[in-house]
Each structure stands twice: as structure tokens, then as C-alpha cells.
Amino acid sequence: MQRIKLFKGLETEVEALEQQINAWAESEGVNILQATGTIATQSYNPAAKEGGSLQGNVAAASDVLITILYEKE
């Protein structure tokens, strides 16, 4: 039977998210059939000065959502 599992992290911590997914798959003994990812659009800091740099206007790192389609072995 196929199942899904969701993992959420931050764009600045993608490597940690990869390690978390791999550790989960190994510990659960699952066969990953497909992995898809979505990154949230960056939110802008309304308090930032107008005409400032893009980096200065970004409020925080975007969320990353990974959907894993798997089967249990």
C-alpha cells in the first residue's frame, strides 16, 4: 500500500532536512517511490526601507515542504 509523509523545513536548512528524510527512510525500512518539494514564496518585511536591497526586504527564510510517496517493505 502506498502512503505519503510530509517533511517541513527552512530553505537555509535543506541539508538537515535531507538528513532527516534519509534517516527516517532507513529507520522505517521504506521504499521511497517519489519525492517532490515546494518552497514558499519569500515574504517581505513591511518595515524595510522603500528602495532598499532585496536582501534587506526579505523578512525570513522561506518554508520548504517535501512530500514523500513511499511503500513499507
C-alpha atoms as a PDB file:
ATOM      1  CA  MET A   1       0.000   0.000   0.000  1.00  0.00           C
ATOM      2  CA  GLN A   2       1.309   3.429  -0.913  1.00  0.00           C
ATOM      3  CA  ARG A   3       1.438   6.168   1.711  1.00  0.00           C
ATOM      4  CA  ILE A   4       2.652   9.753   1.981  1.00  0.00           C
ATOM      5  CA  LYS A   5       4.708  11.577   4.573  1.00  0.00           C
ATOM      6  CA  LEU A   6       5.354  15.305   4.786  1.00  0.00           C
ATOM      7  CA  PHE A   7       8.540  16.985   5.963  1.00  0.00           C
ATOM      8  CA  LYS A   8       8.812  20.716   6.624  1.00  0.00           C
ATOM      9  CA  GLY A   9      11.984  22.757   6.965  1.00  0.00           C
ATOM     10  CA  LEU A  10      13.591  26.047   6.044  1.00  0.00           C
ATOM     11  CA  GLU A  11      15.404  26.888   2.826  1.00  0.00           C
ATOM     12  CA  THR A  12      18.502  27.704   4.873  1.00  0.00           C
ATOM     13  CA  GLU A  13      18.497  24.197   6.396  1.00  0.00           C
ATOM     14  CA  VAL A  14      17.989  21.961   3.346  1.00  0.00           C
ATOM     15  CA  GLU A  15      20.897  19.659   4.181  1.00  0.00           C
ATOM     16  CA  ALA A  16      19.449  18.950   7.626  1.00  0.00           C
ATOM     17  CA  LEU A  17      16.079  18.224   6.018  1.00  0.00           C
ATOM     18  CA  GLU A  18      17.719  15.772   3.593  1.00  0.00           C
ATOM     19  CA  GLN A  19      19.427  14.009   6.503  1.00  0.00           C
ATOM     20  CA  GLN A  20      16.130  13.833   8.401  1.00  0.00           C
ATOM     21  CA  ILE A  21      14.325  12.272   5.428  1.00  0.00           C
ATOM     22  CA  ASN A  22      17.116   9.757   4.777  1.00  0.00           C
ATOM     23  CA  ALA A  23      17.313   8.773   8.449  1.00  0.00           C
ATOM     24  CA  TRP A  24      13.531   8.312   8.574  1.00  0.00           C
ATOM     25  CA  ALA A  25      13.517   6.151   5.418  1.00  0.00           C
ATOM     26  CA  GLU A  26      16.327   3.979   6.712  1.00  0.00           C
ATOM     27  CA  SER A  27      14.903   3.556  10.227  1.00  0.00           C
ATOM     28  CA  GLU A  28      11.407   2.744   8.932  1.00  0.00           C
ATOM     29  CA  GLY A  29      12.611   0.455   6.151  1.00  0.00           C
ATOM     30  CA  VAL A  30      10.538   2.175   3.487  1.00  0.00           C
ATOM     31  CA  ASN A  31      10.920   2.244  -0.273  1.00  0.00           C
ATOM     32  CA  ILE A  32      10.640   5.846  -1.474  1.00  0.00           C
ATOM     33  CA  LEU A  33       8.745   5.954  -4.770  1.00  0.00           C
ATOM     34  CA  GLN A  34       8.706   9.715  -5.317  1.00  0.00           C
ATOM     35  CA  ALA A  35       9.797  12.909  -3.601  1.00  0.00           C
ATOM     36  CA  THR A  36       8.512  16.358  -4.505  1.00  0.00           C
ATOM     37  CA  GLY A  37       9.286  19.701  -2.957  1.00  0.00           C
ATOM     38  CA  THR A  38       7.692  23.105  -2.709  1.00  0.00           C
ATOM     39  CA  ILE A  39       9.233  26.300  -1.457  1.00  0.00           C
ATOM     40  CA  ALA A  40       7.062  29.126  -0.165  1.00  0.00           C
ATOM     41  CA  THR A  41       7.378  32.497  -1.783  1.00  0.00           C
ATOM     42  CA  GLN A  42       9.592  34.847   0.145  1.00  0.00           C
ATOM     43  CA  SER A  43       7.768  37.239   2.405  1.00  0.00           C
ATOM     44  CA  TYR A  44       8.832  40.833   2.513  1.00  0.00           C
ATOM     45  CA  ASN A  45       9.441  42.934   5.565  1.00  0.00           C
ATOM     46  CA  PRO A  46       6.908  45.780   5.546  1.00  0.00           C
ATOM     47  CA  ALA A  47       9.141  47.794   7.894  1.00  0.00           C
ATOM     48  CA  ALA A  48      12.071  47.749   5.436  1.00  0.00           C
ATOM     49  CA  LYS A  49      13.023  50.998   3.769  1.00  0.00           C
ATOM     50  CA  GLU A  50      11.493  51.579   0.362  1.00  0.00           C
ATOM     51  CA  GLY A  51      14.008  51.184  -2.457  1.00  0.00           C
ATOM     52  CA  GLY A  52      16.334  49.080  -0.302  1.00  0.00           C
ATOM     53  CA  SER A  53      18.095  45.934  -1.474  1.00  0.00           C
ATOM     54  CA  LEU A  54      16.162  42.720  -1.986  1.00  0.00           C
ATOM     55  CA  GLN A  55      18.110  41.054   0.840  1.00  0.00           C
ATOM     56  CA  GLY A  56      17.172  43.865   3.212  1.00  0.00           C
ATOM     57  CA  ASN A  57      13.488  43.498   2.377  1.00  0.00           C
ATOM     58  CA  VAL A  58      13.259  39.746   2.919  1.00  0.00           C
ATOM     59  CA  ALA A  59      11.840  39.065   6.367  1.00  0.00           C
ATOM     60  CA  ALA A  60      12.795  35.406   6.888  1.00  0.00           C
ATOM     61  CA  ALA A  61      13.858  32.188   5.196  1.00  0.00           C
ATOM     62  CA  SER A  62      11.104  30.506   3.212  1.00  0.00           C
ATOM     63  CA  ASP A  63       9.490  27.250   4.275  1.00  0.00           C
ATOM     64  CA  VAL A  64      10.230  24.103   2.299  1.00  0.00           C
ATOM     65  CA  LEU A  65       7.676  21.290   2.169  1.00  0.00           C
ATOM     66  CA  ILE A  66       8.769  17.851   0.954  1.00  0.00           C
ATOM     67  CA  THR A  67       6.164  15.217   0.107  1.00  0.00           C
ATOM     68  CA  ILE A  68       7.375  11.612   0.100  1.00  0.00           C
ATOM     69  CA  LEU A  69       5.385   8.858  -1.594  1.00  0.00           C
ATOM     70  CA  TYR A  70       6.513   5.516  -0.168  1.00  0.00           C
ATOM     71  CA  GLU A  71       5.766   1.859   0.389  1.00  0.00           C
ATOM     72  CA  LYS A  72       6.637  -0.077   3.510  1.00  0.00           C
ATOM     73  CA  GLU A  73       8.908  -3.071   2.771  1.00  0.00           C
END
